[in-house]
Amino acid sequence: MQKVQAAPHAESDPAQRRVSETDPEARIMKQGDGGYAPSHNLQISTDAAHSLIVGVGVTQSASDQGQLMPALDQIQDNLGQLPRQVVVDGGFMTRETVVAAAE
């Protein structure tokens, strides 16, 4: 809890930051039902043409922003090449991500 309260964070009041007592590496994240629960953010990269999982990542970030480039790096490490096409939802998209993916 002390590490979480001391770290820079979007939540301006350190007293409002929480951690899970049962899973200290989980972060409290908003759920699909509108509630909050200790969670991890799981990223799964797939090859849709072959129905294969080609990469898996787990983060403590509640947002998908910034997760595309690490996923592409993992795909390159696993397969030795980058995909020709990538389909992601809007949660991944930032200007920086578009520029980096284009490069």
C-alpha atoms as a PDB file:
ATOM      1  CA  MET A   1       0.000   0.000   0.000  1.00  0.00           C
ATOM      2  CA  GLN A   2       2.850   2.384   0.788  1.00  0.00           C
ATOM      3  CA  LYS A   3       4.355   1.839  -2.690  1.00  0.00           C
ATOM      4  CA  VAL A   4       0.996   2.500  -4.379  1.00  0.00           C
ATOM      5  CA  GLN A   5       0.352   5.645  -2.354  1.00  0.00           C
ATOM      6  CA  ALA A   6       3.880   6.976  -3.061  1.00  0.00           C
ATOM      7  CA  ALA A   7       3.795   6.326  -6.830  1.00  0.00           C
ATOM      8  CA  PRO A   8       2.647   8.974  -9.340  1.00  0.00           C
ATOM      9  CA  HIS A   9      -0.911   8.176 -10.354  1.00  0.00           C
ATOM     10  CA  ALA A  10      -3.952   9.705 -12.047  1.00  0.00           C
ATOM     11  CA  GLU A  11      -5.809   9.607  -8.722  1.00  0.00           C
ATOM     12  CA  SER A  12      -4.694  12.851  -7.066  1.00  0.00           C
ATOM     13  CA  ASP A  13      -5.478  11.821  -3.481  1.00  0.00           C
ATOM     14  CA  PRO A  14      -3.088   9.049  -2.326  1.00  0.00           C
ATOM     15  CA  ALA A  15      -5.544   8.139   0.441  1.00  0.00           C
ATOM     16  CA  GLN A  16      -8.062   7.072  -2.223  1.00  0.00           C
ATOM     17  CA  ARG A  17      -5.663   4.558  -3.778  1.00  0.00           C
ATOM     18  CA  ARG A  18      -6.333   0.958  -2.819  1.00  0.00           C
ATOM     19  CA  VAL A  19      -4.639  -2.413  -3.124  1.00  0.00           C
ATOM     20  CA  SER A  20      -5.822  -5.968  -2.767  1.00  0.00           C
ATOM     21  CA  GLU A  21      -4.832  -7.695   0.463  1.00  0.00           C
ATOM     22  CA  THR A  22      -5.160 -11.133  -1.179  1.00  0.00           C
ATOM     23  CA  ASP A  23      -3.363 -10.300  -4.456  1.00  0.00           C
ATOM     24  CA  PRO A  24      -0.958  -7.389  -3.925  1.00  0.00           C
ATOM     25  CA  GLU A  25      -0.004  -7.242  -7.622  1.00  0.00           C
ATOM     26  CA  ALA A  26      -3.632  -6.728  -8.707  1.00  0.00           C
ATOM     27  CA  ARG A  27      -5.009  -3.222  -9.088  1.00  0.00           C
ATOM     28  CA  ILE A  28      -8.545  -2.062  -8.391  1.00  0.00           C
ATOM     29  CA  MET A  29     -10.157  -1.631 -11.827  1.00  0.00           C
ATOM     30  CA  LYS A  30     -13.628  -0.786 -13.061  1.00  0.00           C
ATOM     31  CA  GLN A  31     -15.558  -3.855 -14.211  1.00  0.00           C
ATOM     32  CA  GLY A  32     -18.104  -4.290 -16.993  1.00  0.00           C
ATOM     33  CA  ASP A  33     -20.960  -4.233 -14.467  1.00  0.00           C
ATOM     34  CA  GLY A  34     -19.885  -0.786 -13.214  1.00  0.00           C
ATOM     35  CA  GLY A  35     -18.336  -2.123  -9.993  1.00  0.00           C
ATOM     36  CA  TYR A  36     -14.684  -2.238  -8.979  1.00  0.00           C
ATOM     37  CA  ALA A  37     -12.569  -5.287  -8.150  1.00  0.00           C
ATOM     38  CA  PRO A  38      -8.913  -6.349  -7.851  1.00  0.00           C
ATOM     39  CA  SER A  39      -7.876  -7.127 -11.419  1.00  0.00           C
ATOM     40  CA  HIS A  40      -5.139  -7.589 -13.981  1.00  0.00           C
ATOM     41  CA  ASN A  41      -5.358  -6.412 -17.591  1.00  0.00           C
ATOM     42  CA  LEU A  42      -4.833  -9.377 -19.914  1.00  0.00           C
ATOM     43  CA  GLN A  43      -3.871  -8.882 -23.558  1.00  0.00           C
ATOM     44  CA  ILE A  44      -4.248 -11.800 -25.980  1.00  0.00           C
ATOM     45  CA  SER A  45      -2.914 -11.529 -29.534  1.00  0.00           C
ATOM     46  CA  THR A  46      -4.319 -13.971 -32.055  1.00  0.00           C
ATOM     47  CA  ASP A  47      -3.752 -15.028 -35.635  1.00  0.00           C
ATOM     48  CA  ALA A  48      -7.342 -14.902 -36.859  1.00  0.00           C
ATOM     49  CA  ALA A  49      -6.609 -16.807 -40.063  1.00  0.00           C
ATOM     50  CA  HIS A  50      -5.338 -19.827 -38.144  1.00  0.00           C
ATOM     51  CA  SER A  51      -7.252 -19.414 -34.840  1.00  0.00           C
ATOM     52  CA  LEU A  52      -4.007 -19.391 -32.838  1.00  0.00           C
ATOM     53  CA  ILE A  53      -2.919 -17.388 -29.818  1.00  0.00           C
ATOM     54  CA  VAL A  54       0.426 -15.822 -30.758  1.00  0.00           C
ATOM     55  CA  GLY A  55       1.015 -13.646 -27.704  1.00  0.00           C
ATOM     56  CA  VAL A  56      -0.191 -13.068 -24.146  1.00  0.00           C
ATOM     57  CA  GLY A  57       0.552 -10.161 -21.840  1.00  0.00           C
ATOM     58  CA  VAL A  58      -0.557  -9.182 -18.346  1.00  0.00           C
ATOM     59  CA  THR A  59      -0.331  -5.627 -16.990  1.00  0.00           C
ATOM     60  CA  GLN A  60      -1.439  -3.640 -13.980  1.00  0.00           C
ATOM     61  CA  SER A  61      -2.691  -0.848 -16.239  1.00  0.00           C
ATOM     62  CA  ALA A  62      -6.446  -0.326 -16.200  1.00  0.00           C
ATOM     63  CA  SER A  63      -6.246   1.084 -19.732  1.00  0.00           C
ATOM     64  CA  ASP A  64      -5.335  -0.645 -22.996  1.00  0.00           C
ATOM     65  CA  GLN A  65      -3.574   2.515 -24.182  1.00  0.00           C
ATOM     66  CA  GLY A  66       0.099   1.792 -24.609  1.00  0.00           C
ATOM     67  CA  GLN A  67      -0.403  -1.973 -24.860  1.00  0.00           C
ATOM     68  CA  LEU A  68      -0.279  -2.407 -28.662  1.00  0.00           C
ATOM     69  CA  MET A  69       3.452  -1.907 -29.142  1.00  0.00           C
ATOM     70  CA  PRO A  70       4.435  -4.404 -26.403  1.00  0.00           C
ATOM     71  CA  ALA A  71       2.009  -6.889 -28.001  1.00  0.00           C
ATOM     72  CA  LEU A  72       3.599  -6.366 -31.420  1.00  0.00           C
ATOM     73  CA  ASP A  73       7.068  -6.779 -29.902  1.00  0.00           C
ATOM     74  CA  GLN A  74       5.969 -10.062 -28.339  1.00  0.00           C
ATOM     75  CA  ILE A  75       4.508 -11.288 -31.639  1.00  0.00           C
ATOM     76  CA  GLN A  76       7.793 -10.454 -33.379  1.00  0.00           C
ATOM     77  CA  ASP A  77       9.738 -12.321 -30.668  1.00  0.00           C
ATOM     78  CA  ASN A  78       7.428 -15.357 -30.874  1.00  0.00           C
ATOM     79  CA  LEU A  79       7.028 -15.578 -34.654  1.00  0.00           C
ATOM     80  CA  GLY A  80      10.064 -13.773 -36.027  1.00  0.00           C
ATOM     81  CA  GLN A  81       7.880 -11.341 -37.966  1.00  0.00           C
ATOM     82  CA  LEU A  82       5.249  -8.673 -37.513  1.00  0.00           C
ATOM     83  CA  PRO A  83       1.670  -9.120 -38.704  1.00  0.00           C
ATOM     84  CA  ARG A  84       0.684  -7.451 -41.988  1.00  0.00           C
ATOM     85  CA  GLN A  85      -2.588  -6.246 -40.466  1.00  0.00           C
ATOM     86  CA  VAL A  86      -3.686  -5.465 -36.903  1.00  0.00           C
ATOM     87  CA  VAL A  87      -7.252  -5.070 -35.655  1.00  0.00           C
ATOM     88  CA  VAL A  88      -7.735  -3.512 -32.202  1.00  0.00           C
ATOM     89  CA  ASP A  89     -10.553  -1.724 -30.410  1.00  0.00           C
ATOM     90  CA  GLY A  90     -10.575   1.997 -29.707  1.00  0.00           C
ATOM     91  CA  GLY A  91      -9.120   1.553 -26.223  1.00  0.00           C
ATOM     92  CA  PHE A  92      -5.698   0.894 -27.737  1.00  0.00           C
ATOM     93  CA  MET A  93      -5.610   3.934 -29.973  1.00  0.00           C
ATOM     94  CA  THR A  94      -3.542   7.002 -29.294  1.00  0.00           C
ATOM     95  CA  ARG A  95      -1.737   9.191 -31.794  1.00  0.00           C
ATOM     96  CA  GLU A  96       1.579   7.827 -30.507  1.00  0.00           C
ATOM     97  CA  THR A  97       0.405   4.242 -31.042  1.00  0.00           C
ATOM     98  CA  VAL A  98      -0.682   4.934 -34.627  1.00  0.00           C
ATOM     99  CA  VAL A  99       2.640   6.614 -35.443  1.00  0.00           C
ATOM    100  CA  ALA A 100       4.686   3.860 -33.791  1.00  0.00           C
ATOM    101  CA  ALA A 101       2.735   1.082 -35.529  1.00  0.00           C
ATOM    102  CA  ALA A 102       3.117   2.810 -38.888  1.00  0.00           C
ATOM    103  CA  GLU A 103       6.889   2.949 -38.441  1.00  0.00           C
END
